């Protein structure tokens, strides 16, 4: 019919048609391209077996290829020269194992899945695995595969063998790269799980007071400086995060060049951070970001201790404050444990009772009975100076002078409602202690450092 009437294969139906025939609707591109089986998703045809003679040649030169591949790494990779002799020998063993597995795979052309690549990474010693990063391992695989890609095709005797060997090297190198990533990812996951358990043990030891050498050793494993000051914060975790909030605490601390340990204990989030969290301008950004990791509820800060080994006292203070913070309706967020002494005393916290006695009641008694009597009268009169003066038979300015002296001694201003409440509870605790003559166990200096009012 002439060259204008040539026939072409029908992609959609497998039949032929004339060029002059009118196009049918079924021959549109949408109709002849299956949705579920696009051309790029078709399965590769099985590879034809490689000749035995070619496999024998590859096996014969495998030892030399692995040795020269390692030499190529020494030339191209700067970090390779820093490895010890034993570590370089381990790398050569790794390459030899990979070559052996490559040969085993070539002998099974019907199997399209490379199942031997993982075995190559089972011979890596632990010290070498810790020495090499994932990037360095991938670089080693890349250099070795480039070397094989360059020299293995020289063993081919025809174009078919050349193509087969080149394709095999590319596929095997790709699988080795993915396997290396999987091995490192698995190790990182295991390391992360172990670090999480170790971190929980350290924080639990701080809370319990088990601050011996074992706890300090575990903390050092988590990169905590044994000589760094420590501060404990207690709050509640966000309900939508759960234990994952621990990672958020770490991120915030690292952003501000701090160290942090955290654990979720039931309904509470306990965090130990390095350094102090005094209400200084330089600490406000860190404190603001750290508070965002807690739920909107109250957060109690324990006193800063000199080392992690003494952080148990900070944890005790913070936990006691967390138990009592509900008693102060207007408590700031965060609130220091020393600001919750009245509420803690009402709960029977003996440390708070002693702190009120030692730092508020006894200094007033040492200054003379006039100040203590003036404080009681002033509080009983509803903070009315004139009424207090008449009751004490003194001039109102005398009352004002004495109130000023009380503020200087206790660092609590009786004219401030919150300070007046603290002084009232302290006076009550002092009278009850004197009446019952009950000795109170001495408290450490941790609470004594936080008994003063702190302006946040």
Protein backbone atom coordinates (compact mmCIF):
# COMPACT_ATOMS: atom_id res chain seq x y z
CA UNK A 1 0.00 0.00 0.00
CA UNK A 2 3.03 2.34 -0.15
CA UNK A 3 5.15 3.80 2.55
CA UNK A 4 2.23 5.93 3.79
CA UNK A 5 0.31 2.75 4.59
CA UNK A 6 2.91 1.11 6.91
CA UNK A 7 1.66 -0.70 9.97
CA UNK A 8 2.79 -0.14 13.63
CA UNK A 9 2.20 -2.23 16.81
CA UNK A 10 -0.78 -1.26 18.88
CA UNK A 11 0.55 -0.64 22.42
CA UNK A 12 -2.86 -0.85 23.97
CA UNK A 13 -4.25 -3.96 22.27
CA UNK A 14 -1.23 -5.75 20.81
CA UNK A 15 -2.80 -5.63 17.26
CA UNK A 16 -1.94 -3.64 14.18
CA UNK A 17 -3.77 -0.80 12.40
CA UNK A 18 -3.41 1.27 9.24
CA UNK A 19 -2.08 4.81 9.49
CA UNK A 20 -5.12 6.03 7.55
CA UNK A 21 -7.57 4.48 10.03
CA UNK A 22 -9.48 6.90 12.21
CA UNK A 23 -8.27 6.95 15.82
CA UNK A 24 -10.62 5.14 18.16
CA UNK A 25 -11.49 6.54 21.62
CA UNK A 26 -9.97 3.47 23.24
CA UNK A 27 -6.61 4.42 21.79
CA UNK A 28 -6.22 7.54 23.94
CA UNK A 29 -3.09 7.57 26.17
CA UNK A 30 -5.16 7.26 29.29
CA UNK A 31 -6.88 4.13 28.07
CA UNK A 32 -3.77 2.29 26.90
CA UNK A 33 -1.60 3.03 30.00
CA UNK A 34 -2.68 0.80 32.92
CA UNK A 35 -3.01 2.73 36.16
CA UNK A 36 -1.91 -0.11 38.38
CA UNK A 37 1.16 -1.10 36.36
CA UNK A 38 3.10 1.91 35.01
CA UNK A 39 6.12 1.06 32.83
CA UNK A 40 8.63 2.15 35.49
CA UNK A 41 7.09 -0.27 38.01
CA UNK A 42 7.47 -3.38 35.95
CA UNK A 43 9.51 -6.12 37.52
CA UNK A 44 13.04 -6.62 36.21
CA UNK A 45 13.58 -9.78 34.21
CA UNK A 46 15.78 -12.32 35.98
CA UNK A 47 19.46 -11.94 35.22
CA UNK A 48 21.04 -14.58 33.05
CA UNK A 49 23.63 -16.73 34.84
CA UNK A 50 27.19 -15.55 34.46
CA UNK A 51 29.62 -18.01 32.91
CA UNK A 52 31.55 -20.17 35.35
CA UNK A 53 34.79 -19.03 33.79
CA UNK A 54 33.96 -15.39 34.58
CA UNK A 55 33.03 -16.25 38.16
CA UNK A 56 36.32 -18.12 38.57
CA UNK A 57 38.25 -15.11 37.28
CA UNK A 58 36.45 -12.77 39.72
CA UNK A 59 37.14 -15.17 42.59
CA UNK A 60 40.77 -15.53 41.56
CA UNK A 61 41.33 -11.77 41.69
CA UNK A 62 39.09 -11.10 44.72
CA UNK A 63 41.95 -11.01 47.23
CA UNK A 64 44.00 -8.61 45.13
CA UNK A 65 40.95 -6.44 44.45
CA UNK A 66 40.14 -6.11 48.16
CA UNK A 67 43.75 -5.26 49.02
CA UNK A 68 43.99 -2.59 46.33
CA UNK A 69 40.55 -1.24 47.30
CA UNK A 70 41.83 -0.64 50.82
CA UNK A 71 44.91 1.06 49.35
CA UNK A 72 42.57 3.29 47.38
CA UNK A 73 40.81 4.24 50.63
CA UNK A 74 44.14 5.26 52.15
CA UNK A 75 44.72 7.58 49.20
CA UNK A 76 41.26 9.15 48.95
CA UNK A 77 40.00 9.21 52.56
CA UNK A 78 41.95 11.43 55.00
CA UNK A 79 40.46 9.83 58.11
CA UNK A 80 41.67 6.38 57.07
CA UNK A 81 45.26 7.24 57.97
CA UNK A 82 44.17 8.03 61.55
CA UNK A 83 42.97 4.47 62.12
CA UNK A 84 45.11 2.04 64.07
CA UNK A 85 46.76 -0.87 62.30
CA UNK A 86 44.26 -3.29 63.81
CA UNK A 87 41.38 -1.10 62.67
CA UNK A 88 42.75 -0.89 59.12
CA UNK A 89 43.08 -4.66 59.12
CA UNK A 90 39.44 -4.91 60.20
CA UNK A 91 38.46 -2.67 57.29
CA UNK A 92 40.33 -4.96 54.88
CA UNK A 93 38.52 -7.96 56.40
CA UNK A 94 35.27 -6.12 55.90
CA UNK A 95 36.04 -5.51 52.22
CA UNK A 96 37.10 -9.15 51.71
CA UNK A 97 33.87 -10.35 53.30
CA UNK A 98 31.88 -8.03 51.05
CA UNK A 99 33.67 -9.44 47.97
CA UNK A 100 32.96 -13.02 49.06
CA UNK A 101 29.30 -12.19 49.58
CA UNK A 102 29.26 -10.48 46.19
CA UNK A 103 30.52 -13.67 44.57
CA UNK A 104 27.87 -15.73 46.38
CA UNK A 105 25.22 -13.41 45.09
CA UNK A 106 26.53 -13.60 41.51
CA UNK A 107 26.16 -17.39 41.67
CA UNK A 108 22.43 -17.09 42.34
CA UNK A 109 21.08 -14.96 39.48
CA UNK A 110 17.47 -16.07 40.07
CA UNK A 111 17.45 -14.28 43.42
CA UNK A 112 16.84 -10.57 42.84
CA UNK A 113 17.25 -9.71 46.53
CA UNK A 114 20.74 -9.19 47.92
CA UNK A 115 20.68 -11.00 51.24
CA UNK A 116 24.41 -11.24 51.91
CA UNK A 117 25.28 -7.56 52.34
CA UNK A 118 24.33 -7.49 56.02
CA UNK A 119 26.80 -10.27 56.77
CA UNK A 120 29.65 -8.02 55.75
CA UNK A 121 28.93 -5.71 58.66
CA UNK A 122 28.80 -8.44 61.27
CA UNK A 123 32.62 -8.71 61.33
CA UNK A 124 33.20 -5.08 62.41
CA UNK A 125 34.79 -4.92 65.89
CA UNK A 126 33.05 -2.73 68.43
CA UNK A 127 35.96 -0.31 68.74
CA UNK A 128 35.97 0.26 64.97
CA UNK A 129 32.18 0.69 64.92
CA UNK A 130 32.50 3.37 67.58
CA UNK A 131 35.42 4.99 65.76
CA UNK A 132 33.76 5.36 62.35
CA UNK A 133 30.76 7.56 61.71
CA UNK A 134 28.00 6.70 59.27
CA UNK A 135 29.34 9.26 56.78
CA UNK A 136 32.82 7.73 56.95
CA UNK A 137 31.44 4.22 56.47
CA UNK A 138 29.43 5.31 53.45
CA UNK A 139 32.54 7.00 52.03
CA UNK A 140 34.47 3.75 52.42
CA UNK A 141 31.72 1.81 50.64
CA UNK A 142 31.67 4.40 47.85
CA UNK A 143 35.45 4.28 47.29
CA UNK A 144 35.48 0.47 47.31
CA UNK A 145 32.58 0.22 44.86
CA UNK A 146 34.13 2.82 42.55
CA UNK A 147 37.31 0.76 42.54
CA UNK A 148 35.40 -2.46 41.76
CA UNK A 149 33.36 -0.68 39.08
CA UNK A 150 36.60 0.44 37.47
CA UNK A 151 38.51 -2.86 37.52
CA UNK A 152 35.99 -5.73 37.60
CA UNK A 153 34.75 -5.11 34.04
CA UNK A 154 38.31 -5.76 32.86
CA UNK A 155 37.65 -9.43 33.63
CA UNK A 156 34.76 -9.56 31.13
CA UNK A 157 35.31 -11.18 27.76
CA UNK A 158 32.40 -9.62 25.86
CA UNK A 159 29.91 -6.78 26.08
CA UNK A 160 27.24 -8.94 27.73
CA UNK A 161 29.57 -9.92 30.56
CA UNK A 162 30.73 -6.30 30.85
CA UNK A 163 27.18 -5.02 31.26
CA UNK A 164 26.30 -7.79 33.73
CA UNK A 165 29.34 -7.12 35.92
CA UNK A 166 28.86 -3.35 35.87
CA UNK A 167 25.19 -3.68 36.80
CA UNK A 168 26.01 -6.14 39.57
CA UNK A 169 28.62 -3.84 41.11
CA UNK A 170 26.23 -0.88 41.06
CA UNK A 171 23.41 -2.85 42.64
CA UNK A 172 25.63 -4.41 45.28
CA UNK A 173 27.19 -1.04 46.17
CA UNK A 174 23.75 0.45 46.58
CA UNK A 175 22.68 -2.37 48.87
CA UNK A 176 25.85 -2.03 50.94
CA UNK A 177 25.13 1.68 51.43
CA UNK A 178 21.58 0.98 52.55
CA UNK A 179 22.78 -1.81 54.82
CA UNK A 180 25.34 0.47 56.45
CA UNK A 181 22.62 3.04 57.10
CA UNK A 182 20.37 0.33 58.58
CA UNK A 183 23.13 -0.94 60.87
CA UNK A 184 23.90 2.55 62.17
CA UNK A 185 20.20 3.35 62.56
CA UNK A 186 19.67 0.17 64.56
CA UNK A 187 22.68 0.97 66.73
CA UNK A 188 21.44 4.51 67.29
CA UNK A 189 18.00 3.23 68.23
CA UNK A 190 19.47 0.76 70.71
CA UNK A 191 21.76 3.44 72.09
CA UNK A 192 18.84 5.82 72.47
CA UNK A 193 16.77 3.23 74.33
CA UNK A 194 19.72 2.42 76.61
CA UNK A 195 20.38 6.10 77.29
CA UNK A 196 16.72 6.62 78.15
CA UNK A 197 16.81 3.81 80.72
CA UNK A 198 20.12 5.04 82.08
CA UNK A 199 18.79 8.59 82.38
CA UNK A 200 15.73 7.35 84.27
CA UNK A 201 17.99 5.49 86.69
CA UNK A 202 20.06 8.62 87.34
CA UNK A 203 17.04 10.86 88.00
CA UNK A 204 15.44 8.19 90.19
CA UNK A 205 18.69 7.97 92.17
CA UNK A 206 18.66 11.76 92.64
CA UNK A 207 15.09 11.64 93.92
CA UNK A 208 15.79 8.72 96.29
CA UNK A 209 19.08 10.11 97.52
CA UNK A 210 21.13 7.21 96.18
CA UNK A 211 23.90 9.51 95.00
CA UNK A 212 26.86 7.17 95.23
CA UNK A 213 29.62 6.44 92.72
CA UNK A 214 27.33 4.32 90.54
CA UNK A 215 24.95 7.21 89.96
CA UNK A 216 27.78 9.62 89.19
CA UNK A 217 29.30 7.10 86.76
CA UNK A 218 25.99 6.73 84.93
CA UNK A 219 25.60 10.50 84.80
CA UNK A 220 29.09 10.81 83.32
CA UNK A 221 28.07 8.32 80.63
CA UNK A 222 25.28 10.74 79.75
CA UNK A 223 27.85 13.57 79.40
CA UNK A 224 26.95 15.25 82.69
CA UNK A 225 29.77 17.24 84.26
CA UNK A 226 30.25 15.87 87.77
CA UNK A 227 31.35 19.30 89.04
CA UNK A 228 28.49 21.27 87.50
CA UNK A 229 25.80 22.76 89.79
CA UNK A 230 22.40 21.09 89.55
CA UNK A 231 18.84 22.35 89.93
CA UNK A 232 15.72 20.18 90.05
CA UNK A 233 12.39 21.26 88.57
CA UNK A 234 9.12 19.40 89.08
CA UNK A 235 5.91 19.85 87.13
CA UNK A 236 3.52 17.86 84.96
CA UNK A 237 4.24 16.74 81.38
CA UNK A 238 2.06 17.93 78.50
CA UNK A 239 -0.76 15.42 78.03
CA UNK A 240 -0.12 15.12 74.29
CA UNK A 241 3.57 14.22 74.60
CA UNK A 242 4.00 11.73 77.43
CA UNK A 243 7.54 10.40 77.78
CA UNK A 244 8.59 12.07 74.52
CA UNK A 245 8.80 15.34 76.43
CA UNK A 246 12.19 14.16 77.73
CA UNK A 247 13.66 14.71 74.28
CA UNK A 248 12.17 18.19 74.19
CA UNK A 249 13.86 19.02 77.51
CA UNK A 250 17.19 17.87 76.06
CA UNK A 251 16.71 20.01 72.96
CA UNK A 252 15.96 23.13 75.01
CA UNK A 253 18.96 22.56 77.27
CA UNK A 254 21.34 22.03 74.35
CA UNK A 255 20.07 25.19 72.69
CA UNK A 256 21.17 27.16 75.76
CA UNK A 257 24.44 25.25 76.28
CA UNK A 258 23.12 23.42 79.33
CA UNK A 259 22.94 19.78 80.32
CA UNK A 260 19.63 18.23 81.34
CA UNK A 261 18.32 14.93 82.68
CA UNK A 262 14.60 14.26 82.78
CA UNK A 263 12.11 11.51 83.45
CA UNK A 264 8.34 11.19 83.61
CA UNK A 265 7.33 9.64 86.93
CA UNK A 266 3.64 8.94 86.83
CA UNK A 267 1.90 12.30 86.48
CA UNK A 268 5.04 14.34 87.14
CA UNK A 269 7.92 15.50 85.02
CA UNK A 270 11.18 15.72 86.97
CA UNK A 271 14.04 17.58 85.29
CA UNK A 272 17.58 18.14 86.51
CA UNK A 273 19.40 20.97 84.72
CA UNK A 274 22.96 22.14 85.07
CA UNK A 275 23.63 25.51 86.60
CA UNK A 276 21.36 27.73 88.61
CA UNK A 277 18.06 29.25 87.54
CA UNK A 278 18.19 32.43 89.56
CA UNK A 279 15.86 35.19 88.37
CA UNK A 280 18.64 36.96 86.52
CA UNK A 281 18.19 38.48 83.05
CA UNK A 282 20.64 36.03 81.48
CA UNK A 283 18.59 33.06 82.76
CA UNK A 284 15.18 34.23 81.58
CA UNK A 285 15.39 32.94 77.97
CA UNK A 286 16.42 29.49 79.14
CA UNK A 287 13.82 29.40 81.89
CA UNK A 288 11.10 30.54 79.51
CA UNK A 289 11.91 27.83 76.96
CA UNK A 290 12.21 25.22 79.71
CA UNK A 291 8.81 26.08 81.16
CA UNK A 292 7.28 25.56 77.73
CA UNK A 293 8.20 21.87 77.94
CA UNK A 294 5.90 21.45 80.97
CA UNK A 295 2.13 21.54 80.97
CA UNK A 296 0.42 24.87 81.84
CA UNK A 297 0.15 23.75 85.48
CA UNK A 298 2.48 24.76 88.32
CA UNK A 299 6.24 24.20 88.15
CA UNK A 300 8.33 24.16 91.33
CA UNK A 301 12.07 24.87 91.33
CA UNK A 302 14.29 23.40 94.00
CA UNK A 303 17.39 25.18 95.28
CA UNK A 304 20.60 24.91 93.29
CA UNK A 305 23.16 22.52 94.72
CA UNK A 306 26.90 22.50 94.12
CA UNK A 307 27.03 19.12 92.37
CA UNK A 308 24.74 16.42 91.08
CA UNK A 309 25.64 14.31 94.10
CA UNK A 310 23.91 16.86 96.36
CA UNK A 311 20.93 17.34 94.05
CA UNK A 312 18.81 15.03 96.24
CA UNK A 313 18.17 17.99 98.55
CA UNK A 314 16.96 20.05 95.60
CA UNK A 315 14.67 17.21 94.54
CA UNK A 316 13.23 16.85 98.05
CA UNK A 317 12.49 20.57 98.19
CA UNK A 318 10.94 20.66 94.73
CA UNK A 319 8.76 17.61 95.35
CA UNK A 320 7.60 18.94 98.70
CA UNK A 321 6.76 22.23 97.05
CA UNK A 322 4.83 20.45 94.33
CA UNK A 323 2.71 18.73 96.98
CA UNK A 324 1.90 22.07 98.62
CA UNK A 325 1.65 24.47 95.68
CA UNK A 326 -2.09 23.98 95.40
CA UNK A 327 -2.47 25.75 98.75
CA UNK A 328 -1.29 29.05 97.23
CA UNK A 329 -3.91 30.08 94.74
CA UNK A 330 -1.85 32.95 93.37
CA UNK A 331 1.45 31.09 93.18
CA UNK A 332 3.64 32.33 90.32
CA UNK A 333 4.84 30.02 87.58
CA UNK A 334 7.48 28.92 88.26
CA UNK A 335 7.63 29.12 92.01
CA UNK A 336 10.68 28.34 94.13
CA UNK A 337 10.28 25.71 96.82
CA UNK A 338 11.37 28.21 99.48
CA UNK A 339 8.37 30.39 98.66
CA UNK A 340 6.00 27.60 99.67
CA UNK A 341 7.17 27.20 103.28
CA UNK A 342 3.76 28.11 104.84
CA UNK A 343 1.87 25.63 102.69
CA UNK A 344 4.47 22.96 103.27
CA UNK A 345 4.38 23.60 107.04
CA UNK A 346 0.60 23.14 107.04
CA UNK A 347 1.15 19.75 105.41
CA UNK A 348 3.53 18.80 108.24
CA UNK A 349 6.77 19.18 106.30
CA UNK A 350 9.34 19.17 109.11
CA UNK A 351 11.96 20.81 106.90
CA UNK A 352 9.62 23.75 106.29
CA UNK A 353 8.77 23.98 110.00
CA UNK A 354 12.42 24.18 110.97
CA UNK A 355 13.18 26.67 108.20
CA UNK A 356 10.42 29.02 109.42
CA UNK A 357 11.69 28.71 112.98
CA UNK A 358 15.34 29.18 112.17
CA UNK A 359 15.13 32.01 109.69
CA UNK A 360 12.06 33.98 110.79
CA UNK A 361 11.06 33.24 114.37
CA UNK A 362 14.44 33.01 116.09
CA UNK A 363 15.96 36.14 114.48
CA UNK A 364 12.93 38.14 115.67
CA UNK A 365 13.22 36.72 119.17
CA UNK A 366 16.92 37.56 119.24
CA UNK A 367 16.12 41.18 118.32
CA UNK A 368 13.90 41.58 121.37
CA UNK A 369 10.32 40.89 122.30
CA UNK A 370 9.16 44.33 121.10
CA UNK A 371 9.43 43.38 117.45
CA UNK A 372 7.65 40.07 117.88
CA UNK A 373 4.89 41.69 119.91
CA UNK A 374 4.51 44.45 117.33
CA UNK A 375 4.26 41.90 114.53
CA UNK A 376 1.56 39.94 116.35
CA UNK A 377 -0.40 43.05 117.19
CA UNK A 378 -0.09 44.44 113.67
CA UNK A 379 -1.34 41.20 112.12
CA UNK A 380 -4.13 40.84 114.70
CA UNK A 381 -5.32 44.38 113.93
CA UNK A 382 -5.72 43.63 110.24
CA UNK A 383 -2.57 45.54 109.23
CA UNK A 384 -3.89 48.83 110.63
CA UNK A 385 -0.99 50.91 111.93
CA UNK A 386 -3.12 53.31 113.98
CA UNK A 387 -5.04 50.53 115.67
CA UNK A 388 -1.83 48.65 116.40
CA UNK A 389 -0.26 51.78 117.92
CA UNK A 390 -3.20 52.31 120.25
CA UNK A 391 -3.12 48.69 121.35
CA UNK A 392 0.60 48.88 122.11
CA UNK A 393 0.38 52.40 123.60
CA UNK A 394 3.06 53.71 121.22
CA UNK A 395 3.19 56.31 118.50
CA UNK A 396 2.21 55.14 114.98
CA UNK A 397 5.66 56.10 113.73
CA UNK A 398 7.09 53.68 116.28
CA UNK A 399 5.00 50.92 114.75
CA UNK A 400 6.18 51.88 111.28
CA UNK A 401 9.80 51.88 112.48
CA UNK A 402 9.41 48.44 114.04
CA UNK A 403 7.75 47.05 110.90
CA UNK A 404 10.71 48.33 108.91
CA UNK A 405 13.12 46.60 111.31
CA UNK A 406 11.14 43.36 110.97
CA UNK A 407 11.48 43.58 107.19
CA UNK A 408 15.23 44.15 107.49
CA UNK A 409 15.72 41.17 109.81
CA UNK A 410 13.44 38.66 108.10
CA UNK A 411 13.52 40.11 104.58
CA UNK A 412 9.77 39.75 104.66
CA UNK A 413 7.72 42.94 104.52
CA UNK A 414 4.73 42.76 106.91
CA UNK A 415 2.88 45.30 104.76
CA UNK A 416 2.99 42.88 101.80
CA UNK A 417 0.01 40.48 101.94
CA UNK A 418 1.99 37.38 100.99
CA UNK A 419 4.88 38.23 103.33
CA UNK A 420 2.40 38.96 106.10
CA UNK A 421 0.89 35.49 105.59
CA UNK A 422 4.33 33.87 105.75
CA UNK A 423 5.16 35.78 108.93
CA UNK A 424 1.82 34.82 110.45
CA UNK A 425 2.39 31.11 109.82
CA UNK A 426 5.95 31.43 111.11
CA UNK A 427 4.77 33.10 114.34
CA UNK A 428 2.19 30.35 114.83
CA UNK A 429 4.77 27.65 114.21
CA UNK A 430 7.12 29.30 116.71
CA UNK A 431 4.51 29.39 119.45
CA UNK A 432 3.49 25.77 118.84
CA UNK A 433 7.09 24.64 118.93
CA UNK A 434 7.71 26.42 122.23
CA UNK A 435 4.50 25.06 123.72
CA UNK A 436 5.07 21.43 122.84
CA UNK A 437 8.88 21.55 123.21
CA UNK A 438 9.25 19.21 120.28
CA UNK A 439 12.77 19.11 118.90
CA UNK A 440 12.85 19.33 115.14
CA UNK A 441 15.48 17.57 113.11
CA UNK A 442 17.92 20.10 111.70
CA UNK A 443 17.52 20.93 108.06
CA UNK A 444 20.31 21.24 105.55
CA UNK A 445 21.44 24.54 104.19
CA UNK A 446 19.50 23.92 100.99
CA UNK A 447 16.21 25.18 102.35
CA UNK A 448 17.94 27.91 104.30
CA UNK A 449 19.11 29.38 101.05
CA UNK A 450 15.59 29.58 99.67
CA UNK A 451 13.60 30.72 102.68
CA UNK A 452 13.95 34.35 101.72
CA UNK A 453 11.45 35.87 99.38
CA UNK A 454 12.56 35.68 95.79
CA UNK A 455 11.32 38.19 93.27
CA UNK A 456 10.75 36.44 89.95
